[in-house]
Amino acid sequence: MNNPLPSSTTDETLEAAPAGEDSASAPVVSVTDLSIRMPDGPTLLQPTSLTVRPGEITALTGASGSGKTTLLRALIGHLPAQAATHCTAFDVLGHHVPSLDPTALRTMRRTQVAYVGQDPGSALNPRMKIRHLIAETAATVHDQTVPALLRECKLPTDDGFPDRRPTAISGGQQRRVALARALARTPDLLLLDEPTAGLDKALRDDIAGLLRHLASSRGLAIVIACHDPELVDACADHVVQLTTAQPRLPRQHTARPQRKKESADTATDGIAARSVSVTFRARGTAQLALDSVDFTAPAGSATAIIGPSGSGKTTLLRVLAGLQRPDTGSLALDGHPLAHAARKRRREHLRRIQLVPQNPLAALNPSRTVGAALTRPLRRHTTLTKARTADRITELLDQVDLPADFIHRYPHELSGGQRQRVSIARALTATPDFLLCDEITSALDPDTAIAIMELLQRLRAEHDMAVTLVSHETHLVAAYTDTVHVLEAGRLVTHGPTTAHVPT
């Protein structure tokens, strides 16, 4: 007989609403001892109880893979078809969710509940303009509907921003556009998965204030899955701590590689951009995303790119990866010209420069297993035998702290943090010389974030790999990078040693 599963711990006790309780304070969500597992597979959620009332914010915390995203998706009845749920009670807005038919589920999602996932950019139609994306979900639309929602979510209403498309805005801006779409529906229950991932501290504080305002002014019940303890402290009324079935063992810390000293012979070794400019145009307006930016990442270096959300950090990474063609400027690899477009680069250049994007769900084919996602680049960039390929996939999963049996899972069966680690493993299949990382730790709990940075640090030492890190987590930037480039409004305002520009 299997041992009973450990219960998750919470800071509150679920209590039945007393008879005659005012409907304004009656629970919007009442879940008791909910557990979710795959048949003959992993446990996705340990037994968990949750109570959510109007006007209150409840935060779900815990390590990556503890089930935070799974619980949010369970509340809207959006789980893998094979997932088995067990519970004592499961009520959302007066509905027993497991028993709802597809039509009733769609009605509840459309009229009562709004959900913003961890990778909101993947849910935004790349062909639609921002104003139409927001108006699409609004119950009623007038001239000020879209501008008012943009302002509420701390987004610009001028400079042609409403007429830009999701691919022409930063990851942090995509996240706030998705929030504006959710608010346009005037829901009773708002579910947010990592709402401040990829946002700078000032915007995180703004979002915390916005969530408190929404809870109090609209009487909105809000549930957030979050790794950010400062956000939780700033806005949460209740905290539910989720646990994992098998806690991971901490990784051994490695010695920090010494920064390489450039000489006349090695100064040109690395990836460089000179006077790079990128302009996004929409509806007769032009938005300068990068303005004559210079960038250098020497071989074997650890370089950070920091700055406010929307300052051009992701755009610069995409230029280096060949995914965004600059209007002006030049690129070089080891002192030799580098083609602007990835499709025009030599295969060896494609192997040497790998990008880990901010939204891993958009980078992983939903119809392919993790094993298939890792096999394809291995076949493209290596000559390994079939047996050795299987061994290499196991090694890669172990490197990013995932068990070998994940090769059979699909992206939708993984947590956000697990998808991020698969995305990192996929980039590592090519044994790159330059790894471009866009907010790769924003969806990870602190322990896992440190483990990932330790992994990259070890790879730098073993393979002389250069890492370029875009991040708002200044403590990681200070601990794991040697040089920093600071962007603001598309311009490079300063660069130099991390110790001189980032507080430790």
Protein backbone atom coordinates (compact mmCIF):
# COMPACT_ATOMS: atom_id res chain seq x y z
CA MET A 1 0.00 0.00 0.00
CA ASN A 2 1.28 3.42 -0.85
CA ASN A 3 2.08 5.83 1.93
CA PRO A 4 -0.41 8.68 2.29
CA LEU A 5 0.59 11.86 0.50
CA PRO A 6 1.77 14.74 2.70
CA SER A 7 -0.65 17.61 2.94
CA SER A 8 0.28 21.09 1.81
CA THR A 9 0.45 23.71 4.53
CA THR A 10 -1.61 26.88 4.56
CA ASP A 11 -1.89 29.92 6.75
CA GLU A 12 -5.65 29.57 6.97
CA THR A 13 -8.19 26.90 7.86
CA LEU A 14 -11.07 26.21 5.50
CA GLU A 15 -14.33 26.91 7.24
CA ALA A 16 -17.87 26.49 6.01
CA ALA A 17 -19.75 29.73 5.53
CA PRO A 18 -22.23 30.20 8.37
CA ALA A 19 -25.90 30.13 7.56
CA GLY A 20 -27.16 33.45 6.30
CA GLU A 21 -23.66 34.75 5.49
CA ASP A 22 -23.70 37.87 3.31
CA SER A 23 -23.13 36.91 -0.34
CA ALA A 24 -20.52 39.66 -0.66
CA SER A 25 -18.27 37.80 1.79
CA ALA A 26 -19.25 34.23 0.89
CA PRO A 27 -16.35 32.26 -0.61
CA VAL A 28 -15.88 32.51 -4.35
CA VAL A 29 -13.69 29.40 -4.22
CA SER A 30 -14.02 26.55 -1.71
CA VAL A 31 -11.68 23.63 -2.34
CA THR A 32 -10.94 20.92 0.23
CA ASP A 33 -8.25 18.23 -0.03
CA LEU A 34 -7.87 18.51 -3.79
CA SER A 35 -5.21 16.24 -5.28
CA ILE A 36 -4.41 15.68 -8.95
CA ARG A 37 -2.34 12.92 -10.48
CA MET A 38 -1.76 11.31 -13.86
CA PRO A 39 -2.71 7.62 -14.14
CA ASP A 40 0.42 5.52 -13.53
CA GLY A 41 2.31 8.79 -13.58
CA PRO A 42 3.35 11.76 -11.47
CA THR A 43 1.36 13.56 -8.82
CA LEU A 44 0.65 17.03 -10.19
CA LEU A 45 -0.83 18.44 -6.97
CA GLN A 46 -0.59 17.23 -3.39
CA PRO A 47 -3.81 17.40 -1.28
CA THR A 48 -4.56 21.12 -0.97
CA SER A 49 -7.35 23.23 0.53
CA LEU A 50 -8.16 26.74 -0.64
CA THR A 51 -10.70 29.41 0.29
CA VAL A 52 -10.99 32.66 -1.68
CA ARG A 53 -13.39 35.51 -0.87
CA PRO A 54 -14.38 38.68 -2.76
CA GLY A 55 -12.03 41.60 -2.25
CA GLU A 56 -9.17 39.38 -1.11
CA ILE A 57 -5.90 38.27 -2.69
CA THR A 58 -4.62 34.75 -2.11
CA ALA A 59 -1.05 33.84 -3.10
CA LEU A 60 0.01 30.31 -4.04
CA THR A 61 3.70 29.77 -3.30
CA GLY A 62 6.09 26.83 -3.38
CA ALA A 63 8.91 25.31 -5.38
CA SER A 64 8.73 24.89 -9.15
CA GLY A 65 6.68 21.77 -9.88
CA SER A 66 4.69 21.93 -6.64
CA GLY A 67 1.42 22.40 -8.54
CA LYS A 68 0.70 26.14 -8.46
CA THR A 69 -0.16 26.34 -12.17
CA THR A 70 -2.00 23.02 -11.98
CA LEU A 71 -4.23 24.35 -9.18
CA LEU A 72 -5.03 27.54 -11.12
CA ARG A 73 -5.95 25.53 -14.20
CA ALA A 74 -8.03 23.13 -12.11
CA LEU A 75 -10.15 26.07 -10.94
CA ILE A 76 -11.22 26.69 -14.56
CA GLY A 77 -11.53 23.00 -15.42
CA HIS A 78 -8.57 23.02 -17.81
CA LEU A 79 -6.50 19.95 -16.97
CA PRO A 80 -5.02 17.15 -19.13
CA ALA A 81 -7.76 14.76 -20.22
CA GLN A 82 -6.17 11.86 -18.36
CA ALA A 83 -5.68 13.75 -15.07
CA ALA A 84 -7.48 12.22 -12.10
CA THR A 85 -8.81 14.58 -9.42
CA HIS A 86 -9.78 13.65 -5.88
CA CYS A 87 -11.36 16.06 -3.42
CA THR A 88 -13.80 16.50 -0.57
CA ALA A 89 -15.22 19.75 -1.98
CA PHE A 90 -14.60 21.71 -5.19
CA ASP A 91 -16.78 24.80 -5.63
CA VAL A 92 -15.96 27.77 -7.88
CA LEU A 93 -18.54 30.56 -8.13
CA GLY A 94 -21.29 28.15 -7.16
CA HIS A 95 -20.22 25.47 -9.65
CA HIS A 96 -18.85 22.01 -8.90
CA VAL A 97 -16.18 22.30 -11.57
CA PRO A 98 -15.42 18.57 -12.14
CA SER A 99 -19.07 17.92 -13.04
CA LEU A 100 -19.53 20.85 -15.47
CA ASP A 101 -20.14 19.95 -19.10
CA PRO A 102 -18.02 21.69 -21.80
CA THR A 103 -20.71 24.29 -22.59
CA ALA A 104 -21.11 25.30 -18.94
CA LEU A 105 -17.34 25.47 -18.53
CA ARG A 106 -16.99 27.79 -21.53
CA THR A 107 -19.74 30.03 -20.16
CA MET A 108 -18.07 30.26 -16.75
CA ARG A 109 -14.69 31.07 -18.30
CA ARG A 110 -16.20 33.68 -20.61
CA THR A 111 -18.39 35.50 -18.10
CA GLN A 112 -17.11 34.92 -14.55
CA VAL A 113 -13.44 33.92 -14.47
CA ALA A 114 -10.37 35.45 -16.10
CA TYR A 115 -7.09 33.55 -16.30
CA VAL A 116 -3.70 34.99 -17.30
CA GLY A 117 -1.14 32.26 -17.80
CA GLN A 118 2.56 32.25 -17.12
CA ASP A 119 3.41 32.75 -20.80
CA PRO A 120 0.83 35.39 -21.77
CA GLY A 121 2.65 36.27 -24.98
CA SER A 122 1.78 32.85 -26.40
CA ALA A 123 -1.94 33.59 -25.86
CA LEU A 124 -1.86 36.91 -27.76
CA ASN A 125 -2.67 36.67 -31.46
CA PRO A 126 0.52 38.00 -33.12
CA ARG A 127 -1.48 39.34 -36.08
CA MET A 128 -3.82 41.51 -34.02
CA LYS A 129 -3.12 45.02 -32.77
CA ILE A 130 -3.13 45.66 -29.05
CA ARG A 131 -6.26 47.84 -29.17
CA HIS A 132 -8.18 45.03 -30.89
CA LEU A 133 -6.84 42.35 -28.53
CA ILE A 134 -8.22 44.27 -25.56
CA ALA A 135 -11.50 45.35 -27.18
CA GLU A 136 -12.11 41.75 -28.24
CA THR A 137 -12.82 40.62 -24.67
CA ALA A 138 -14.67 43.72 -23.40
CA ALA A 139 -18.36 43.36 -22.58
CA THR A 140 -19.01 46.89 -23.84
CA VAL A 141 -16.70 49.06 -25.94
CA HIS A 142 -16.56 52.84 -26.25
CA ASP A 143 -13.83 55.32 -27.18
CA GLN A 144 -12.18 55.26 -23.76
CA THR A 145 -12.45 51.53 -23.02
CA VAL A 146 -9.04 50.55 -24.37
CA PRO A 147 -7.11 53.67 -23.21
CA ALA A 148 -8.57 53.36 -19.71
CA LEU A 149 -7.53 49.71 -19.42
CA LEU A 150 -4.06 50.46 -20.78
CA ARG A 151 -3.57 53.23 -18.23
CA GLU A 152 -4.87 51.00 -15.44
CA CYS A 153 -2.22 48.40 -16.34
CA LYS A 154 0.56 51.02 -16.53
CA LEU A 155 0.86 50.87 -20.32
CA PRO A 156 1.27 53.85 -22.69
CA THR A 157 -1.65 55.15 -24.73
CA ASP A 158 0.42 57.30 -27.10
CA ASP A 159 3.43 56.79 -29.42
CA GLY A 160 1.36 54.32 -31.43
CA PHE A 161 1.47 51.67 -28.69
CA PRO A 162 -2.21 50.62 -29.07
CA ASP A 163 -1.55 49.93 -32.75
CA ARG A 164 1.52 47.77 -32.23
CA ARG A 165 1.38 43.99 -32.30
CA PRO A 166 2.49 41.62 -29.51
CA THR A 167 5.75 40.76 -31.27
CA ALA A 168 6.75 44.45 -31.19
CA ILE A 169 6.48 44.89 -27.40
CA SER A 170 8.52 43.57 -24.49
CA GLY A 171 7.65 40.45 -22.48
CA GLY A 172 6.66 42.61 -19.52
CA GLN A 173 4.36 44.68 -21.74
CA GLN A 174 2.81 41.50 -23.17
CA ARG A 175 2.06 40.40 -19.61
CA ARG A 176 0.24 43.67 -18.85
CA VAL A 177 -1.68 43.57 -22.15
CA ALA A 178 -2.91 40.11 -21.16
CA LEU A 179 -3.97 41.53 -17.77
CA ALA A 180 -5.85 44.35 -19.52
CA ARG A 181 -7.67 41.76 -21.65
CA ALA A 182 -8.65 39.89 -18.51
CA LEU A 183 -9.94 43.02 -16.75
CA ALA A 184 -11.96 44.02 -19.82
CA ARG A 185 -14.28 41.12 -19.07
CA THR A 186 -15.09 42.46 -15.56
CA PRO A 187 -14.70 38.98 -13.99
CA ASP A 188 -15.64 37.91 -10.47
CA LEU A 189 -12.49 35.80 -10.10
CA LEU A 190 -9.06 36.70 -11.48
CA LEU A 191 -6.36 34.01 -11.69
CA LEU A 192 -2.79 35.17 -12.39
CA ASP A 193 0.22 32.91 -12.92
CA GLU A 194 3.47 34.75 -12.06
CA PRO A 195 2.01 38.22 -12.82
CA THR A 196 5.32 40.07 -12.25
CA ALA A 197 7.72 37.67 -13.98
CA GLY A 198 10.00 39.70 -16.25
CA LEU A 199 9.05 43.05 -14.69
CA ASP A 200 11.41 45.49 -13.00
CA LYS A 201 10.98 46.42 -9.33
CA ALA A 202 9.10 49.66 -10.03
CA LEU A 203 6.54 47.89 -12.24
CA ARG A 204 6.27 45.03 -9.77
CA ASP A 205 5.34 47.55 -7.09
CA ASP A 206 2.84 49.15 -9.50
CA ILE A 207 1.25 45.78 -10.22
CA ALA A 208 1.04 45.02 -6.49
CA GLY A 209 -0.75 48.34 -5.99
CA LEU A 210 -3.03 47.64 -8.96
CA LEU A 211 -4.03 44.23 -7.61
CA ARG A 212 -4.85 45.73 -4.21
CA HIS A 213 -6.90 48.45 -5.94
CA LEU A 214 -8.79 45.87 -8.03
CA ALA A 215 -9.55 43.76 -4.99
CA SER A 216 -10.86 46.68 -2.94
CA SER A 217 -12.57 48.81 -5.62
CA ARG A 218 -14.11 46.03 -7.71
CA GLY A 219 -14.55 43.49 -4.91
CA LEU A 220 -12.56 41.16 -7.14
CA ALA A 221 -11.35 37.81 -5.79
CA ILE A 222 -7.75 37.29 -6.93
CA VAL A 223 -5.53 34.22 -6.81
CA ILE A 224 -1.87 34.56 -7.84
CA ALA A 225 0.79 31.88 -8.28
CA CYS A 226 4.02 33.58 -7.34
CA HIS A 227 7.71 33.06 -6.59
CA ASP A 228 8.24 36.72 -5.68
CA PRO A 229 8.19 37.10 -1.87
CA GLU A 230 8.16 40.90 -2.11
CA LEU A 231 5.00 40.84 -4.23
CA VAL A 232 3.37 38.41 -1.80
CA ASP A 233 4.27 40.62 1.17
CA ALA A 234 3.00 43.71 -0.63
CA CYS A 235 -0.45 42.55 -1.68
CA ALA A 236 -1.52 39.11 -0.43
CA ASP A 237 -4.16 38.68 2.27
CA HIS A 238 -3.59 34.92 2.51
CA VAL A 239 -0.77 32.59 1.50
CA VAL A 240 -1.07 28.91 0.57
CA GLN A 241 2.26 27.08 0.54
CA LEU A 242 2.29 24.06 -1.78
CA THR A 243 4.65 21.13 -1.30
CA THR A 244 6.29 18.68 -3.68
CA ALA A 245 6.20 14.92 -3.34
CA GLN A 246 9.95 14.56 -3.62
CA PRO A 247 11.99 17.61 -2.68
CA ARG A 248 15.10 18.08 -4.81
CA LEU A 249 18.53 17.78 -3.27
CA PRO A 250 20.51 21.02 -3.35
CA ARG A 251 23.21 21.20 -5.99
CA GLN A 252 26.83 21.45 -5.06
CA HIS A 253 28.14 24.97 -5.48
CA THR A 254 31.01 25.27 -7.90
CA ALA A 255 33.93 27.63 -7.81
CA ARG A 256 33.15 30.82 -9.64
CA PRO A 257 35.11 31.09 -12.89
CA GLN A 258 37.60 33.90 -12.95
CA ARG A 259 36.85 36.65 -15.40
CA LYS A 260 39.00 36.33 -18.49
CA LYS A 261 41.45 39.14 -19.05
CA GLU A 262 41.38 40.42 -22.60
CA SER A 263 44.62 40.82 -24.49
CA ALA A 264 45.40 42.17 -27.91
CA ASP A 265 44.97 38.63 -29.30
CA THR A 266 41.65 37.83 -27.57
CA ALA A 267 39.86 41.20 -27.56
CA THR A 268 38.00 40.35 -30.77
CA ASP A 269 36.94 36.86 -29.59
CA GLY A 270 33.24 37.04 -28.82
CA ILE A 271 29.96 38.41 -30.11
CA ALA A 272 29.56 42.14 -30.72
CA ALA A 273 27.03 44.65 -31.98
CA ARG A 274 27.93 48.14 -33.16
CA SER A 275 25.54 51.11 -33.48
CA VAL A 276 22.50 48.83 -33.70
CA SER A 277 19.14 50.57 -34.14
CA VAL A 278 15.67 49.00 -34.38
CA THR A 279 12.43 50.86 -35.05
CA PHE A 280 8.93 49.40 -34.82
CA ARG A 281 6.39 51.11 -37.09
CA ALA A 282 2.61 50.99 -36.88
CA ARG A 283 -0.20 53.18 -38.22
CA GLY A 284 2.08 55.99 -39.31
CA THR A 285 4.00 56.09 -36.01
CA ALA A 286 7.52 54.92 -35.24
CA GLN A 287 8.80 53.57 -31.92
CA LEU A 288 12.58 53.48 -31.52
CA ALA A 289 13.30 50.22 -29.66
CA LEU A 290 17.11 50.42 -29.90
CA ASP A 291 19.03 53.62 -30.60
CA SER A 292 22.65 53.13 -31.77
CA VAL A 293 23.40 50.49 -29.13
CA ASP A 294 26.86 48.94 -28.76
CA PHE A 295 27.28 45.55 -27.10
CA THR A 296 30.16 43.14 -26.51
CA ALA A 297 30.27 39.69 -24.88
CA PRO A 298 33.80 38.21 -24.94
CA ALA A 299 34.29 34.46 -25.16
CA GLY A 300 33.74 32.78 -21.81
CA SER A 301 32.27 35.92 -20.20
CA ALA A 302 29.18 36.42 -18.07
CA THR A 303 27.43 39.59 -19.22
CA ALA A 304 24.15 41.09 -18.02
CA ILE A 305 21.70 43.38 -19.82
CA ILE A 306 19.48 45.27 -17.39
CA GLY A 307 17.02 48.15 -17.49
CA PRO A 308 13.32 48.94 -17.08
CA SER A 309 10.64 46.87 -18.80
CA GLY A 310 10.38 48.00 -22.43
CA SER A 311 13.91 49.42 -22.55
CA GLY A 312 14.97 47.15 -25.44
CA LYS A 313 16.67 44.25 -23.63
CA THR A 314 14.80 41.45 -25.40
CA THR A 315 15.06 43.25 -28.74
CA LEU A 316 18.84 43.36 -28.37
CA LEU A 317 18.98 39.61 -27.62
CA ARG A 318 16.81 38.89 -30.67
CA VAL A 319 19.15 40.98 -32.83
CA LEU A 320 22.15 38.97 -31.59
CA ALA A 321 20.27 35.70 -32.24
CA GLY A 322 19.32 36.78 -35.77
CA LEU A 323 15.58 36.89 -35.04
CA GLN A 324 15.20 40.70 -35.32
CA ARG A 325 16.81 42.48 -38.25
CA PRO A 326 18.31 45.84 -37.23
CA ASP A 327 17.63 48.92 -39.31
CA THR A 328 21.24 50.06 -38.95
CA GLY A 329 24.42 48.73 -37.37
CA SER A 330 26.63 45.69 -37.68
CA LEU A 331 27.18 42.34 -35.95
CA ALA A 332 30.40 40.39 -35.56
CA LEU A 333 31.44 36.98 -34.25
CA ASP A 334 35.09 36.59 -33.28
CA GLY A 335 35.91 39.68 -35.28
CA HIS A 336 34.21 38.46 -38.48
CA PRO A 337 30.93 39.82 -39.92
CA LEU A 338 27.82 38.01 -38.70
CA ALA A 339 24.69 37.93 -40.88
CA HIS A 340 21.74 39.89 -39.48
CA ALA A 341 19.16 37.19 -40.26
CA ALA A 342 19.44 33.70 -38.74
CA ARG A 343 18.35 32.08 -42.01
CA LYS A 344 21.42 33.58 -43.73
CA ARG A 345 23.91 32.41 -41.08
CA ARG A 346 26.16 29.40 -41.48
CA ARG A 347 25.11 26.27 -39.58
CA GLU A 348 28.15 26.59 -37.34
CA HIS A 349 27.12 30.12 -36.39
CA LEU A 350 23.60 28.89 -35.62
CA ARG A 351 25.07 26.20 -33.36
CA ARG A 352 27.40 28.57 -31.55
CA ILE A 353 24.72 31.17 -30.67
CA GLN A 354 21.63 29.87 -28.85
CA LEU A 355 18.72 31.81 -27.35
CA VAL A 356 16.64 30.76 -24.34
CA PRO A 357 13.46 32.86 -24.74
CA GLN A 358 11.40 34.48 -22.01
CA ASN A 359 8.27 32.46 -22.84
CA PRO A 360 9.25 28.78 -23.07
CA LEU A 361 5.73 27.63 -23.94
CA ALA A 362 5.95 29.56 -27.21
CA ALA A 363 9.29 27.89 -28.03
CA LEU A 364 8.21 24.29 -27.38
CA ASN A 365 6.01 22.43 -29.88
CA PRO A 366 2.90 21.38 -27.91
CA SER A 367 2.54 18.22 -30.01
CA ARG A 368 6.07 16.97 -29.25
CA THR A 369 7.29 15.30 -26.08
CA VAL A 370 10.27 16.64 -24.17
CA GLY A 371 12.36 13.80 -25.61
CA ALA A 372 11.41 14.75 -29.16
CA ALA A 373 12.09 18.44 -28.48
CA LEU A 374 15.64 17.58 -27.41
CA THR A 375 16.25 14.92 -30.07
CA ARG A 376 15.71 17.23 -33.04
CA PRO A 377 18.51 19.74 -32.28
CA LEU A 378 20.83 16.88 -31.26
CA ARG A 379 20.38 15.31 -34.69
CA ARG A 380 20.89 18.69 -36.35
CA HIS A 381 24.06 19.67 -34.54
CA THR A 382 25.71 16.34 -33.61
CA THR A 383 26.49 12.92 -35.11
CA LEU A 384 25.48 10.87 -32.07
CA THR A 385 24.13 7.36 -32.49
CA LYS A 386 20.53 6.62 -31.48
CA ALA A 387 21.64 5.00 -28.24
CA ARG A 388 24.04 7.82 -27.40
CA THR A 389 21.34 10.38 -28.21
CA ALA A 390 19.08 8.81 -25.56
CA ASP A 391 21.93 8.92 -23.04
CA ARG A 392 22.67 12.55 -23.90
CA ILE A 393 19.02 13.54 -23.38
CA THR A 394 19.12 11.95 -19.92
CA GLU A 395 22.32 13.89 -19.17
CA LEU A 396 20.76 17.16 -20.30
CA LEU A 397 17.64 16.65 -18.17
CA ASP A 398 19.82 15.85 -15.18
CA GLN A 399 21.85 19.01 -15.78
CA VAL A 400 18.70 21.14 -15.48
CA ASP A 401 17.44 19.13 -12.49
CA LEU A 402 14.66 17.19 -14.21
CA PRO A 403 14.12 13.40 -13.91
CA ALA A 404 14.74 11.15 -16.90
CA ASP A 405 11.08 10.14 -17.23
CA PHE A 406 10.24 13.69 -18.35
CA ILE A 407 11.19 12.61 -21.88
CA HIS A 408 7.66 11.23 -22.22
CA ARG A 409 5.86 14.38 -21.05
CA TYR A 410 4.33 17.12 -23.20
CA PRO A 411 4.78 20.86 -22.50
CA HIS A 412 1.23 21.24 -21.17
CA GLU A 413 2.00 18.59 -18.54
CA LEU A 414 4.82 20.66 -17.07
CA SER A 415 4.87 23.59 -14.71
CA GLY A 416 6.16 26.92 -15.95
CA GLY A 417 9.46 26.43 -14.20
CA GLN A 418 9.83 22.92 -15.64
CA ARG A 419 9.14 24.22 -19.15
CA GLN A 420 11.82 26.86 -18.61
CA ARG A 421 14.35 24.20 -17.67
CA VAL A 422 13.43 22.10 -20.73
CA SER A 423 13.96 25.22 -22.86
CA ILE A 424 17.43 25.65 -21.34
CA ALA A 425 18.25 21.98 -21.95
CA ARG A 426 17.15 22.38 -25.57
CA ALA A 427 19.57 25.28 -26.07
CA LEU A 428 22.38 23.26 -24.47
CA THR A 429 21.97 20.39 -26.96
CA ALA A 430 24.05 22.38 -29.45
CA THR A 431 26.89 22.91 -26.93
CA PRO A 432 26.84 26.62 -27.77
CA ASP A 433 29.68 29.07 -27.30
CA PHE A 434 27.26 31.94 -26.61
CA LEU A 435 24.07 31.41 -24.63
CA LEU A 436 21.58 34.29 -24.69
CA CYS A 437 19.17 34.03 -21.74
CA ASP A 438 16.03 36.16 -21.55
CA GLU A 439 14.61 36.23 -18.01
CA ILE A 440 15.25 32.51 -17.59
CA THR A 441 14.85 32.61 -13.80
CA SER A 442 11.77 34.85 -13.57
CA ALA A 443 9.42 31.84 -13.38
CA LEU A 444 11.55 29.85 -10.94
CA ASP A 445 11.54 29.67 -7.16
CA PRO A 446 14.68 31.10 -5.49
CA ASP A 447 16.37 27.73 -4.90
CA THR A 448 15.81 26.59 -8.48
CA ALA A 449 16.93 29.96 -9.85
CA ILE A 450 20.23 29.63 -7.99
CA ALA A 451 20.59 26.02 -9.19
CA ILE A 452 20.14 27.16 -12.81
CA MET A 453 22.69 29.94 -12.40
CA GLU A 454 25.11 27.47 -10.80
CA LEU A 455 24.59 25.20 -13.81
CA LEU A 456 25.39 27.98 -16.26
CA GLN A 457 28.40 28.94 -14.18
CA ARG A 458 29.70 25.37 -14.30
CA LEU A 459 29.16 25.18 -18.07
CA ARG A 460 31.11 28.39 -18.49
CA ALA A 461 34.03 26.87 -16.62
CA GLU A 462 33.91 23.51 -18.41
CA HIS A 463 33.24 24.69 -21.98
CA ASP A 464 34.44 28.30 -22.01
CA MET A 465 30.84 29.27 -22.85
CA ALA A 466 29.79 32.91 -22.69
CA VAL A 467 26.45 33.69 -21.03
CA THR A 468 24.47 36.86 -21.67
CA LEU A 469 21.70 37.31 -19.12
CA VAL A 470 18.69 39.62 -19.35
CA SER A 471 17.22 39.90 -15.88
CA HIS A 472 15.43 42.14 -13.39
CA GLU A 473 16.78 40.05 -10.50
CA THR A 474 19.71 42.23 -9.55
CA HIS A 475 20.92 39.87 -6.80
CA LEU A 476 21.52 37.17 -9.45
CA VAL A 477 23.11 39.69 -11.82
CA ALA A 478 25.45 40.83 -9.03
CA ALA A 479 26.36 37.27 -8.04
CA TYR A 480 26.79 35.63 -11.42
CA THR A 481 27.90 38.20 -14.00
CA ASP A 482 31.13 40.13 -14.50
CA THR A 483 30.04 42.97 -16.79
CA VAL A 484 26.74 44.76 -17.30
CA HIS A 485 25.07 46.83 -20.02
CA VAL A 486 22.34 49.19 -18.79
CA LEU A 487 19.60 50.15 -21.25
CA GLU A 488 17.01 52.88 -20.85
CA ALA A 489 14.43 53.85 -23.48
CA GLY A 490 16.40 51.96 -26.12
CA ARG A 491 19.74 53.62 -25.42
CA LEU A 492 22.86 52.24 -23.78
CA VAL A 493 23.32 54.56 -20.80
CA THR A 494 26.33 52.83 -19.24
CA HIS A 495 28.32 49.61 -19.21
CA GLY A 496 31.24 48.17 -17.29
CA PRO A 497 32.05 45.90 -14.33
CA THR A 498 28.95 44.57 -12.56
CA THR A 499 30.38 45.51 -9.18
CA ALA A 500 30.43 49.17 -10.22
CA HIS A 501 26.87 49.33 -11.57
CA VAL A 502 24.78 46.77 -9.67
CA PRO A 503 24.40 46.76 -5.87
CA THR A 504 25.33 43.47 -4.24
